[in-house]
Amino acid sequence: MSFIQDLKCFFLHGALVFVHLFMVLAMSCQQADKWIRVADMPTPRAALSTCVIDGKIYVIGGYQRANAPGLQTVEVYDPSTNTWTTKAPMPTGRRALSVSVVDGRVYAIGGYINFGKPGLSIVEEYDPSTDTWARRADMPTARLGLATSVANGIIYAVGGASKVREPLSTMEAYDPATDTWTKKAEMPTARFLLSASAVNGKIYAIGGSFGGPDQRLSVVEEYDPATDTWKEKADMPSGIFSSATSVANGKIYRIGGAVGYDVISSVAEYDPASDTWTSKIDMSGPRAALSASTANGKIYAIGGFLTVTPPHPAVATVEVYTP
């Protein structure tokens, strides 16, 4: 091959590499600039809860329409294959529960059976390695619409309601290693249908309601387990309940939710370091009573409903966002 031919091959190869890199960057920018629809859940549901183990998302409980009983359903999403599998059902079907993970096991906490029923104190542990459930020590305060977060191997259960429109400020801590609960300092603002996420060992309780749809909160309060104290932080731009939160890159993303009787698609990012909120790209459509989890650096917004007004049937929609 001549020198000229070698030179042509060199530049052609370089051009192809450049085009490939450009396409990869373009796709990355496109994914980072919007929400992408992926495989729907097999079971549409709202007021569900989700968590992540080994890069897979576990979707637990919820309900399919107003005045329908809570579900026992457990389904797992694998982002690497964009597929779903069904796992052993949770012993107690429930809605408006919260789940958290410690040492590779899932703890399903609280919730309620159906509208008008009281909150539950039930705690059930799921072991993915054996696909089995076991009953654990009840939560001292029965409640629905609570939020849970993990700090240093301890699960903190915050807020909720004894019954719908009966909000609580309760904070209780569960130690899976000893199967015991401990009462902690109460949250300053009683609320339910709130979200909570942990960043750098501190827990952030976000939004919620203190009554009906018009009684929504923009309040953000930070709990420090080391001192058992609460601190007020910057409010959200508006009051929102039944939203989802998830953490990526040390920041909390508030996703969807309801403003009064309006379900929204908006997304906002909270930076605990600067105590500031920033608007982000909306989901493709409005959803409330959804759940969100972060797997492999991407945020997955799962399920929910499209209207606060009954019968508000649940959806199976799953969308992914790359921060």
C-alpha atoms as a PDB file:
ATOM      1  CA  MET A   1       0.000   0.000   0.000  1.00  0.00           C
ATOM      2  CA  SER A   2       1.360   3.422  -0.933  1.00  0.00           C
ATOM      3  CA  PHE A   3       1.968   6.276   1.476  1.00  0.00           C
ATOM      4  CA  ILE A   4      -0.990   8.156  -0.027  1.00  0.00           C
ATOM      5  CA  GLN A   5      -3.275   5.184   0.515  1.00  0.00           C
ATOM      6  CA  ASP A   6      -2.028   4.828   4.114  1.00  0.00           C
ATOM      7  CA  LEU A   7      -2.764   8.503   4.696  1.00  0.00           C
ATOM      8  CA  LYS A   8      -6.277   8.169   3.263  1.00  0.00           C
ATOM      9  CA  CYS A   9      -6.996   5.149   5.485  1.00  0.00           C
ATOM     10  CA  PHE A  10      -5.702   7.025   8.518  1.00  0.00           C
ATOM     11  CA  PHE A  11      -7.959  10.012   7.917  1.00  0.00           C
ATOM     12  CA  LEU A  12     -10.950   7.803   7.050  1.00  0.00           C
ATOM     13  CA  HIS A  13     -10.515   5.816  10.274  1.00  0.00           C
ATOM     14  CA  GLY A  14     -10.164   9.038  12.238  1.00  0.00           C
ATOM     15  CA  ALA A  15     -13.325  10.408  10.651  1.00  0.00           C
ATOM     16  CA  LEU A  16     -15.279   7.273  11.526  1.00  0.00           C
ATOM     17  CA  VAL A  17     -14.073   7.414  15.133  1.00  0.00           C
ATOM     18  CA  PHE A  18     -15.103  11.085  15.324  1.00  0.00           C
ATOM     19  CA  VAL A  19     -18.566  10.322  13.941  1.00  0.00           C
ATOM     20  CA  HIS A  20     -19.010   7.474  16.451  1.00  0.00           C
ATOM     21  CA  LEU A  21     -17.962   9.679  19.354  1.00  0.00           C
ATOM     22  CA  PHE A  22     -20.253  12.453  18.142  1.00  0.00           C
ATOM     23  CA  MET A  23     -23.214  10.053  18.000  1.00  0.00           C
ATOM     24  CA  VAL A  24     -22.482   8.711  21.501  1.00  0.00           C
ATOM     25  CA  LEU A  25     -22.261  12.237  22.887  1.00  0.00           C
ATOM     26  CA  ALA A  26     -25.423  13.256  21.063  1.00  0.00           C
ATOM     27  CA  MET A  27     -27.303  10.288  22.476  1.00  0.00           C
ATOM     28  CA  SER A  28     -25.989  11.029  25.962  1.00  0.00           C
ATOM     29  CA  CYS A  29     -27.054  14.664  25.690  1.00  0.00           C
ATOM     30  CA  GLN A  30     -30.447  13.609  24.370  1.00  0.00           C
ATOM     31  CA  GLN A  31     -30.954  11.187  27.257  1.00  0.00           C
ATOM     32  CA  ALA A  32     -29.774  13.760  29.781  1.00  0.00           C
ATOM     33  CA  ASP A  33     -32.126  16.369  28.357  1.00  0.00           C
ATOM     34  CA  LYS A  34     -35.383  14.451  28.625  1.00  0.00           C
ATOM     35  CA  TRP A  35     -37.238  11.519  30.128  1.00  0.00           C
ATOM     36  CA  ILE A  36     -37.139   8.280  28.117  1.00  0.00           C
ATOM     37  CA  ARG A  37     -40.003   5.758  28.199  1.00  0.00           C
ATOM     38  CA  VAL A  38     -38.925   2.165  28.965  1.00  0.00           C
ATOM     39  CA  ALA A  39     -40.839  -1.108  29.458  1.00  0.00           C
ATOM     40  CA  ASP A  40     -44.086  -0.695  31.378  1.00  0.00           C
ATOM     41  CA  MET A  41     -44.675  -2.496  34.671  1.00  0.00           C
ATOM     42  CA  PRO A  42     -46.695  -5.690  34.255  1.00  0.00           C
ATOM     43  CA  THR A  43     -49.110  -4.389  36.926  1.00  0.00           C
ATOM     44  CA  PRO A  44     -50.351  -0.765  36.800  1.00  0.00           C
ATOM     45  CA  ARG A  45     -50.346   0.766  40.272  1.00  0.00           C
ATOM     46  CA  ALA A  46     -50.171   3.915  42.371  1.00  0.00           C
ATOM     47  CA  ALA A  47     -49.201   4.570  46.005  1.00  0.00           C
ATOM     48  CA  LEU A  48     -46.500   1.931  45.529  1.00  0.00           C
ATOM     49  CA  SER A  49     -42.944   1.959  46.843  1.00  0.00           C
ATOM     50  CA  THR A  50     -39.630   1.061  45.197  1.00  0.00           C
ATOM     51  CA  CYS A  51     -36.026   0.300  46.135  1.00  0.00           C
ATOM     52  CA  VAL A  52     -32.813  -0.937  44.497  1.00  0.00           C
ATOM     53  CA  ILE A  53     -30.698  -4.040  45.137  1.00  0.00           C
ATOM     54  CA  ASP A  54     -27.741  -4.961  42.920  1.00  0.00           C
ATOM     55  CA  GLY A  55     -28.823  -2.525  40.232  1.00  0.00           C
ATOM     56  CA  LYS A  56     -32.362  -3.922  39.972  1.00  0.00           C
ATOM     57  CA  ILE A  57     -35.507  -2.056  41.020  1.00  0.00           C
ATOM     58  CA  TYR A  58     -38.012  -3.782  43.301  1.00  0.00           C
ATOM     59  CA  VAL A  59     -41.580  -2.466  42.993  1.00  0.00           C
ATOM     60  CA  ILE A  60     -43.814  -3.346  45.929  1.00  0.00           C
ATOM     61  CA  GLY A  61     -47.479  -2.924  46.859  1.00  0.00           C
ATOM     62  CA  GLY A  62     -49.755  -0.074  45.779  1.00  0.00           C
ATOM     63  CA  TYR A  63     -53.270  -0.139  44.324  1.00  0.00           C
ATOM     64  CA  GLN A  64     -54.921  -0.076  40.903  1.00  0.00           C
ATOM     65  CA  ARG A  65     -57.855   2.335  41.387  1.00  0.00           C
ATOM     66  CA  ALA A  66     -59.738   4.238  44.085  1.00  0.00           C
ATOM     67  CA  ASN A  67     -61.403   2.023  46.687  1.00  0.00           C
ATOM     68  CA  ALA A  68     -59.370  -0.989  45.533  1.00  0.00           C
ATOM     69  CA  PRO A  69     -57.473  -2.978  48.165  1.00  0.00           C
ATOM     70  CA  GLY A  70     -53.720  -2.750  48.517  1.00  0.00           C
ATOM     71  CA  LEU A  71     -51.678  -5.120  46.370  1.00  0.00           C
ATOM     72  CA  GLN A  72     -49.310  -7.866  47.474  1.00  0.00           C
ATOM     73  CA  THR A  73     -47.579  -7.682  44.096  1.00  0.00           C
ATOM     74  CA  VAL A  74     -43.778  -7.607  43.856  1.00  0.00           C
ATOM     75  CA  GLU A  75     -42.152  -7.058  40.453  1.00  0.00           C
ATOM     76  CA  VAL A  76     -38.495  -6.463  39.633  1.00  0.00           C
ATOM     77  CA  TYR A  77     -37.151  -4.354  36.785  1.00  0.00           C
ATOM     78  CA  ASP A  78     -33.721  -5.030  35.294  1.00  0.00           C
ATOM     79  CA  PRO A  79     -32.460  -1.870  33.554  1.00  0.00           C
ATOM     80  CA  SER A  80     -29.739  -3.809  31.741  1.00  0.00           C
ATOM     81  CA  THR A  81     -32.302  -5.876  29.823  1.00  0.00           C
ATOM     82  CA  ASN A  82     -35.374  -3.602  30.077  1.00  0.00           C
ATOM     83  CA  THR A  83     -37.387  -6.555  31.404  1.00  0.00           C
ATOM     84  CA  TRP A  84     -39.637  -7.379  34.348  1.00  0.00           C
ATOM     85  CA  THR A  85     -39.937 -10.487  36.520  1.00  0.00           C
ATOM     86  CA  THR A  86     -42.482 -11.371  39.212  1.00  0.00           C
ATOM     87  CA  LYS A  87     -41.375 -12.331  42.711  1.00  0.00           C
ATOM     88  CA  ALA A  88     -43.033 -13.823  45.796  1.00  0.00           C
ATOM     89  CA  PRO A  89     -45.994 -11.662  46.881  1.00  0.00           C
ATOM     90  CA  MET A  90     -45.792  -9.577  50.022  1.00  0.00           C
ATOM     91  CA  PRO A  91     -47.816 -11.297  52.794  1.00  0.00           C
ATOM     92  CA  THR A  92     -49.876  -8.175  53.526  1.00  0.00           C
ATOM     93  CA  GLY A  93     -51.399  -6.360  50.558  1.00  0.00           C
ATOM     94  CA  ARG A  94     -51.182  -2.624  51.179  1.00  0.00           C
ATOM     95  CA  ARG A  95     -50.994   0.822  49.664  1.00  0.00           C
ATOM     96  CA  ALA A  96     -49.225   4.042  50.702  1.00  0.00           C
ATOM     97  CA  LEU A  97     -46.465   2.005  52.362  1.00  0.00           C
ATOM     98  CA  SER A  98     -42.739   2.748  52.284  1.00  0.00           C
ATOM     99  CA  VAL A  99     -39.834   0.385  51.618  1.00  0.00           C
ATOM    100  CA  SER A 100     -36.124   0.677  52.384  1.00  0.00           C
ATOM    101  CA  VAL A 101     -33.076  -1.571  51.966  1.00  0.00           C
ATOM    102  CA  VAL A 102     -30.458  -2.529  54.560  1.00  0.00           C
ATOM    103  CA  ASP A 103     -27.765  -5.176  53.893  1.00  0.00           C
ATOM    104  CA  GLY A 104     -29.480  -6.416  50.747  1.00  0.00           C
ATOM    105  CA  ARG A 105     -32.886  -6.990  52.326  1.00  0.00           C
ATOM    106  CA  VAL A 106     -36.097  -5.041  51.769  1.00  0.00           C
ATOM    107  CA  TYR A 107     -38.240  -3.763  54.637  1.00  0.00           C
ATOM    108  CA  ALA A 108     -41.866  -2.944  53.774  1.00  0.00           C
ATOM    109  CA  ILE A 109     -43.260  -0.630  56.438  1.00  0.00           C
ATOM    110  CA  GLY A 110     -46.731   0.682  57.268  1.00  0.00           C
ATOM    111  CA  GLY A 111     -49.368   1.625  54.696  1.00  0.00           C
ATOM    112  CA  TYR A 112     -53.056   0.702  54.764  1.00  0.00           C
ATOM    113  CA  ILE A 113     -55.424  -1.858  53.294  1.00  0.00           C
ATOM    114  CA  ASN A 114     -57.969   0.429  51.626  1.00  0.00           C
ATOM    115  CA  PHE A 115     -59.395   3.951  51.695  1.00  0.00           C
ATOM    116  CA  GLY A 116     -61.027   4.771  55.028  1.00  0.00           C
ATOM    117  CA  LYS A 117     -59.068   2.083  56.847  1.00  0.00           C
ATOM    118  CA  PRO A 118     -56.508   2.972  59.541  1.00  0.00           C
ATOM    119  CA  GLY A 119     -52.760   2.905  59.046  1.00  0.00           C
ATOM    120  CA  LEU A 120     -50.801  -0.285  59.630  1.00  0.00           C
ATOM    121  CA  SER A 121     -47.855  -0.966  61.927  1.00  0.00           C
ATOM    122  CA  ILE A 122     -46.784  -4.041  59.947  1.00  0.00           C
ATOM    123  CA  VAL A 123     -43.141  -4.568  58.962  1.00  0.00           C
ATOM    124  CA  GLU A 124     -42.246  -7.381  56.557  1.00  0.00           C
ATOM    125  CA  GLU A 125     -38.745  -8.271  55.395  1.00  0.00           C
ATOM    126  CA  TYR A 126     -37.972  -9.625  51.923  1.00  0.00           C
ATOM    127  CA  ASP A 127     -34.838 -11.652  51.182  1.00  0.00           C
ATOM    128  CA  PRO A 128     -34.064 -11.588  47.424  1.00  0.00           C
ATOM    129  CA  SER A 129     -31.620 -14.498  47.737  1.00  0.00           C
ATOM    130  CA  THR A 130     -34.428 -16.868  48.773  1.00  0.00           C
ATOM    131  CA  ASP A 131     -37.436 -14.940  47.381  1.00  0.00           C
ATOM    132  CA  THR A 132     -39.141 -15.173  50.784  1.00  0.00           C
ATOM    133  CA  TRP A 133     -40.866 -12.829  53.225  1.00  0.00           C
ATOM    134  CA  ALA A 134     -40.743 -12.785  57.045  1.00  0.00           C
ATOM    135  CA  ARG A 135     -42.602 -10.757  59.678  1.00  0.00           C
ATOM    136  CA  ARG A 136     -40.525  -8.365  61.795  1.00  0.00           C
ATOM    137  CA  ALA A 137     -41.242  -6.200  64.845  1.00  0.00           C
ATOM    138  CA  ASP A 138     -44.197  -3.896  64.320  1.00  0.00           C
ATOM    139  CA  MET A 139     -43.628  -0.176  64.052  1.00  0.00           C
ATOM    140  CA  PRO A 140     -44.735   1.458  67.349  1.00  0.00           C
ATOM    141  CA  THR A 141     -46.984   3.966  65.551  1.00  0.00           C
ATOM    142  CA  ALA A 142     -49.359   2.581  62.923  1.00  0.00           C
ATOM    143  CA  ARG A 143     -49.490   4.870  59.870  1.00  0.00           C
ATOM    144  CA  LEU A 144     -50.048   5.292  56.153  1.00  0.00           C
ATOM    145  CA  GLY A 145     -48.524   7.746  53.683  1.00  0.00           C
ATOM    146  CA  LEU A 146     -45.251   7.789  55.614  1.00  0.00           C
ATOM    147  CA  ALA A 147     -41.727   8.019  54.183  1.00  0.00           C
ATOM    148  CA  THR A 148     -38.616   6.033  55.103  1.00  0.00           C
ATOM    149  CA  SER A 149     -34.900   6.597  54.565  1.00  0.00           C
ATOM    150  CA  VAL A 150     -31.720   4.833  55.642  1.00  0.00           C
ATOM    151  CA  ALA A 151     -28.750   6.375  57.435  1.00  0.00           C
ATOM    152  CA  ASN A 152     -25.859   4.271  58.821  1.00  0.00           C
ATOM    153  CA  GLY A 153     -27.830   1.032  58.562  1.00  0.00           C
ATOM    154  CA  ILE A 154     -30.864   2.369  60.444  1.00  0.00           C
ATOM    155  CA  ILE A 155     -34.280   2.920  58.831  1.00  0.00           C
ATOM    156  CA  TYR A 156     -36.021   6.156  59.813  1.00  0.00           C
ATOM    157  CA  ALA A 157     -39.815   6.228  59.407  1.00  0.00           C
ATOM    158  CA  VAL A 158     -41.081   9.802  59.270  1.00  0.00           C
ATOM    159  CA  GLY A 159     -44.540  11.367  59.216  1.00  0.00           C
ATOM    160  CA  GLY A 160     -47.598   9.687  57.774  1.00  0.00           C
ATOM    161  CA  ALA A 161     -51.161   9.595  59.075  1.00  0.00           C
ATOM    162  CA  SER A 162     -53.084   7.396  61.484  1.00  0.00           C
ATOM    163  CA  LYS A 163     -55.954   7.667  58.989  1.00  0.00           C
ATOM    164  CA  VAL A 164     -56.331   9.766  55.840  1.00  0.00           C
ATOM    165  CA  ARG A 165     -56.302  13.485  56.804  1.00  0.00           C
ATOM    166  CA  GLU A 166     -54.967  12.749  60.302  1.00  0.00           C
ATOM    167  CA  PRO A 167     -51.279  13.696  59.864  1.00  0.00           C
ATOM    168  CA  LEU A 168     -48.488  12.760  62.241  1.00  0.00           C
ATOM    169  CA  SER A 169     -45.105  14.283  63.084  1.00  0.00           C
ATOM    170  CA  THR A 170     -43.769  10.956  64.366  1.00  0.00           C
ATOM    171  CA  MET A 171     -40.179   9.845  63.742  1.00  0.00           C
ATOM    172  CA  GLU A 172     -39.190   6.299  64.696  1.00  0.00           C
ATOM    173  CA  ALA A 173     -35.977   4.396  63.938  1.00  0.00           C
ATOM    174  CA  TYR A 174     -35.720   0.695  63.137  1.00  0.00           C
ATOM    175  CA  ASP A 175     -32.537  -1.335  63.578  1.00  0.00           C
ATOM    176  CA  PRO A 176     -32.738  -4.480  61.421  1.00  0.00           C
ATOM    177  CA  ALA A 177     -29.772  -6.005  63.256  1.00  0.00           C
ATOM    178  CA  THR A 178     -31.708  -6.126  66.530  1.00  0.00           C
ATOM    179  CA  ASP A 179     -35.270  -5.995  65.144  1.00  0.00           C
ATOM    180  CA  THR A 180     -36.082  -3.096  67.459  1.00  0.00           C
ATOM    181  CA  TRP A 181     -37.686   0.346  67.167  1.00  0.00           C
ATOM    182  CA  THR A 182     -36.675   3.570  68.943  1.00  0.00           C
ATOM    183  CA  LYS A 183     -38.647   6.792  69.194  1.00  0.00           C
ATOM    184  CA  LYS A 184     -36.837   9.891  67.874  1.00  0.00           C
ATOM    185  CA  ALA A 185     -37.426  13.652  67.885  1.00  0.00           C
ATOM    186  CA  GLU A 186     -40.694  14.548  66.195  1.00  0.00           C
ATOM    187  CA  MET A 187     -40.664  16.295  62.857  1.00  0.00           C
ATOM    188  CA  PRO A 188     -41.604  19.990  63.296  1.00  0.00           C
ATOM    189  CA  THR A 189     -44.370  19.797  60.661  1.00  0.00           C
ATOM    190  CA  ALA A 190     -46.971  17.029  60.891  1.00  0.00           C
ATOM    191  CA  ARG A 191     -47.733  15.662  57.419  1.00  0.00           C
ATOM    192  CA  PHE A 192     -48.440  12.641  55.266  1.00  0.00           C
ATOM    193  CA  LEU A 193     -48.022  11.812  51.578  1.00  0.00           C
ATOM    194  CA  LEU A 194     -44.549  13.336  51.909  1.00  0.00           C
ATOM    195  CA  SER A 195     -41.254  12.117  50.454  1.00  0.00           C
ATOM    196  CA  ALA A 196     -37.919  11.599  52.172  1.00  0.00           C
ATOM    197  CA  SER A 197     -34.367  11.046  50.922  1.00  0.00           C
ATOM    198  CA  ALA A 198     -30.992  10.759  52.631  1.00  0.00           C
ATOM    199  CA  VAL A 199     -27.822  12.597  51.581  1.00  0.00           C
ATOM    200  CA  ASN A 200     -24.527  12.441  53.507  1.00  0.00           C
ATOM    201  CA  GLY A 201     -26.144  10.808  56.521  1.00  0.00           C
ATOM    202  CA  LYS A 202     -28.928  13.379  56.873  1.00  0.00           C
ATOM    203  CA  ILE A 203     -32.600  12.873  56.013  1.00  0.00           C
ATOM    204  CA  TYR A 204     -34.690  15.415  54.128  1.00  0.00           C
ATOM    205  CA  ALA A 205     -38.479  15.369  54.559  1.00  0.00           C
ATOM    206  CA  ILE A 206     -40.071  17.066  51.565  1.00  0.00           C
ATOM    207  CA  GLY A 207     -43.588  18.398  50.919  1.00  0.00           C
ATOM    208  CA  GLY A 208     -46.712  16.467  51.773  1.00  0.00           C
ATOM    209  CA  SER A 209     -50.191  17.340  53.008  1.00  0.00           C
ATOM    210  CA  PHE A 210     -51.722  18.148  56.384  1.00  0.00           C
ATOM    211  CA  GLY A 211     -55.284  17.367  55.278  1.00  0.00           C
ATOM    212  CA  GLY A 212     -57.076  17.423  51.940  1.00  0.00           C
ATOM    213  CA  PRO A 213     -55.743  18.135  48.434  1.00  0.00           C
ATOM    214  CA  ASP A 214     -55.751  21.902  49.018  1.00  0.00           C
ATOM    215  CA  GLN A 215     -53.752  21.557  52.236  1.00  0.00           C
ATOM    216  CA  ARG A 216     -50.402  20.964  50.612  1.00  0.00           C
ATOM    217  CA  LEU A 217     -46.975  21.859  51.967  1.00  0.00           C
ATOM    218  CA  SER A 218     -43.765  23.259  50.478  1.00  0.00           C
ATOM    219  CA  VAL A 219     -41.849  22.577  53.696  1.00  0.00           C
ATOM    220  CA  VAL A 220     -38.421  20.930  53.677  1.00  0.00           C
ATOM    221  CA  GLU A 221     -36.953  19.808  57.007  1.00  0.00           C
ATOM    222  CA  GLU A 222     -33.575  18.153  57.604  1.00  0.00           C
ATOM    223  CA  TYR A 223     -33.049  15.508  60.282  1.00  0.00           C
ATOM    224  CA  ASP A 224     -29.603  14.761  61.693  1.00  0.00           C
ATOM    225  CA  PRO A 225     -29.490  11.276  63.275  1.00  0.00           C
ATOM    226  CA  ALA A 226     -26.217  12.107  65.040  1.00  0.00           C
ATOM    227  CA  THR A 227     -27.880  14.808  67.158  1.00  0.00           C
ATOM    228  CA  ASP A 228     -31.535  13.714  66.877  1.00  0.00           C
ATOM    229  CA  THR A 229     -32.473  17.221  65.774  1.00  0.00           C
ATOM    230  CA  TRP A 230     -34.438  18.871  62.971  1.00  0.00           C
ATOM    231  CA  LYS A 231     -33.594  21.988  60.971  1.00  0.00           C
ATOM    232  CA  GLU A 232     -35.727  23.998  58.565  1.00  0.00           C
ATOM    233  CA  LYS A 233     -34.351  24.244  55.017  1.00  0.00           C
ATOM    234  CA  ALA A 234     -35.347  26.144  51.871  1.00  0.00           C
ATOM    235  CA  ASP A 235     -38.968  25.535  50.891  1.00  0.00           C
ATOM    236  CA  MET A 236     -39.910  24.069  47.548  1.00  0.00           C
ATOM    237  CA  PRO A 237     -41.182  26.729  45.129  1.00  0.00           C
ATOM    238  CA  SER A 238     -44.748  25.442  45.695  1.00  0.00           C
ATOM    239  CA  GLY A 239     -46.611  23.050  47.942  1.00  0.00           C
ATOM    240  CA  ILE A 240     -46.758  19.512  46.549  1.00  0.00           C
ATOM    241  CA  PHE A 241     -47.941  16.157  47.908  1.00  0.00           C
ATOM    242  CA  SER A 242     -47.754  12.587  46.595  1.00  0.00           C
ATOM    243  CA  SER A 243     -44.528  13.309  44.728  1.00  0.00           C
ATOM    244  CA  ALA A 244     -41.499  11.028  44.543  1.00  0.00           C
ATOM    245  CA  THR A 245     -37.892  11.782  45.440  1.00  0.00           C
ATOM    246  CA  SER A 246     -34.639  10.072  44.570  1.00  0.00           C
ATOM    247  CA  VAL A 247     -30.963  10.914  44.984  1.00  0.00           C
ATOM    248  CA  ALA A 248     -28.349  11.160  42.237  1.00  0.00           C
ATOM    249  CA  ASN A 249     -24.916  12.781  42.442  1.00  0.00           C
ATOM    250  CA  GLY A 250     -25.589  14.024  45.969  1.00  0.00           C
ATOM    251  CA  LYS A 251     -28.734  15.917  44.943  1.00  0.00           C
ATOM    252  CA  ILE A 252     -32.404  15.158  45.553  1.00  0.00           C
ATOM    253  CA  TYR A 253     -34.827  15.101  42.639  1.00  0.00           C
ATOM    254  CA  ARG A 254     -38.493  15.832  43.391  1.00  0.00           C
ATOM    255  CA  ILE A 255     -40.601  14.244  40.653  1.00  0.00           C
ATOM    256  CA  GLY A 256     -44.273  14.815  39.809  1.00  0.00           C
ATOM    257  CA  GLY A 257     -46.926  14.941  42.498  1.00  0.00           C
ATOM    258  CA  ALA A 258     -50.151  16.891  42.995  1.00  0.00           C
ATOM    259  CA  VAL A 259     -50.902  20.582  43.533  1.00  0.00           C
ATOM    260  CA  GLY A 260     -54.428  20.666  44.882  1.00  0.00           C
ATOM    261  CA  TYR A 261     -56.480  18.617  42.414  1.00  0.00           C
ATOM    262  CA  ASP A 262     -53.962  19.092  39.595  1.00  0.00           C
ATOM    263  CA  VAL A 263     -51.425  16.350  38.887  1.00  0.00           C
ATOM    264  CA  ILE A 264     -48.092  17.719  37.638  1.00  0.00           C
ATOM    265  CA  SER A 265     -45.162  16.560  35.507  1.00  0.00           C
ATOM    266  CA  SER A 266     -42.559  18.972  36.863  1.00  0.00           C
ATOM    267  CA  VAL A 267     -39.174  17.940  38.244  1.00  0.00           C
ATOM    268  CA  ALA A 268     -36.999  19.973  40.609  1.00  0.00           C
ATOM    269  CA  GLU A 269     -33.507  19.382  41.960  1.00  0.00           C
ATOM    270  CA  TYR A 270     -32.575  20.180  45.557  1.00  0.00           C
ATOM    271  CA  ASP A 271     -28.904  20.687  46.412  1.00  0.00           C
ATOM    272  CA  PRO A 272     -28.361  20.161  50.159  1.00  0.00           C
ATOM    273  CA  ALA A 273     -24.905  21.750  49.939  1.00  0.00           C
ATOM    274  CA  SER A 274     -26.282  25.109  48.761  1.00  0.00           C
ATOM    275  CA  ASP A 275     -29.831  24.691  50.130  1.00  0.00           C
ATOM    276  CA  THR A 276     -31.290  25.661  46.747  1.00  0.00           C
ATOM    277  CA  TRP A 277     -33.921  24.388  44.314  1.00  0.00           C
ATOM    278  CA  THR A 278     -33.538  24.285  40.513  1.00  0.00           C
ATOM    279  CA  SER A 279     -36.169  23.385  37.912  1.00  0.00           C
ATOM    280  CA  LYS A 280     -35.339  20.440  35.645  1.00  0.00           C
ATOM    281  CA  ILE A 281     -36.873  18.919  32.534  1.00  0.00           C
ATOM    282  CA  ASP A 282     -40.474  17.721  33.019  1.00  0.00           C
ATOM    283  CA  MET A 283     -41.588  14.137  32.686  1.00  0.00           C
ATOM    284  CA  SER A 284     -43.453  13.413  29.460  1.00  0.00           C
ATOM    285  CA  GLY A 285     -46.758  13.655  31.324  1.00  0.00           C
ATOM    286  CA  PRO A 286     -48.230  14.362  34.761  1.00  0.00           C
ATOM    287  CA  ARG A 287     -48.172  11.679  37.467  1.00  0.00           C
ATOM    288  CA  ALA A 288     -48.772  11.601  41.219  1.00  0.00           C
ATOM    289  CA  ALA A 289     -48.579   8.838  43.845  1.00  0.00           C
ATOM    290  CA  LEU A 290     -45.650   7.440  41.863  1.00  0.00           C
ATOM    291  CA  SER A 291     -42.323   6.148  43.167  1.00  0.00           C
ATOM    292  CA  ALA A 292     -38.753   6.789  42.047  1.00  0.00           C
ATOM    293  CA  SER A 293     -35.450   4.988  42.455  1.00  0.00           C
ATOM    294  CA  THR A 294     -31.913   5.560  41.192  1.00  0.00           C
ATOM    295  CA  ALA A 295     -30.066   2.663  39.558  1.00  0.00           C
ATOM    296  CA  ASN A 296     -26.649   2.974  37.911  1.00  0.00           C
ATOM    297  CA  GLY A 297     -26.814   6.760  38.063  1.00  0.00           C
ATOM    298  CA  LYS A 298     -30.212   7.001  36.330  1.00  0.00           C
ATOM    299  CA  ILE A 299     -33.527   7.920  37.927  1.00  0.00           C
ATOM    300  CA  TYR A 300     -36.578   5.752  37.208  1.00  0.00           C
ATOM    301  CA  ALA A 301     -40.064   7.218  37.784  1.00  0.00           C
ATOM    302  CA  ILE A 302     -42.520   4.358  38.174  1.00  0.00           C
ATOM    303  CA  GLY A 303     -46.327   4.081  38.178  1.00  0.00           C
ATOM    304  CA  GLY A 304     -48.729   6.546  39.779  1.00  0.00           C
ATOM    305  CA  PHE A 305     -52.040   8.030  38.648  1.00  0.00           C
ATOM    306  CA  LEU A 306     -53.062  10.893  36.341  1.00  0.00           C
ATOM    307  CA  THR A 307     -55.809  12.554  38.370  1.00  0.00           C
ATOM    308  CA  VAL A 308     -56.538  13.124  42.052  1.00  0.00           C
ATOM    309  CA  THR A 309     -60.280  12.812  41.449  1.00  0.00           C
ATOM    310  CA  PRO A 310     -61.553   9.213  41.831  1.00  0.00           C
ATOM    311  CA  PRO A 311     -61.494   6.631  40.400  1.00  0.00           C
ATOM    312  CA  HIS A 312     -57.935   7.711  39.411  1.00  0.00           C
ATOM    313  CA  PRO A 313     -56.879   4.422  37.774  1.00  0.00           C
ATOM    314  CA  ALA A 314     -53.196   3.615  38.140  1.00  0.00           C
ATOM    315  CA  VAL A 315     -50.736   3.567  35.245  1.00  0.00           C
ATOM    316  CA  ALA A 316     -47.871   1.198  34.430  1.00  0.00           C
ATOM    317  CA  THR A 317     -45.634   3.924  32.999  1.00  0.00           C
ATOM    318  CA  VAL A 318     -41.881   3.846  33.634  1.00  0.00           C
ATOM    319  CA  GLU A 319     -39.592   6.665  32.522  1.00  0.00           C
ATOM    320  CA  VAL A 320     -35.848   7.119  33.006  1.00  0.00           C
ATOM    321  CA  TYR A 321     -33.857  10.322  33.371  1.00  0.00           C
ATOM    322  CA  THR A 322     -30.086  10.776  33.316  1.00  0.00           C
ATOM    323  CA  PRO A 323     -29.085  13.733  35.545  1.00  0.00           C
END
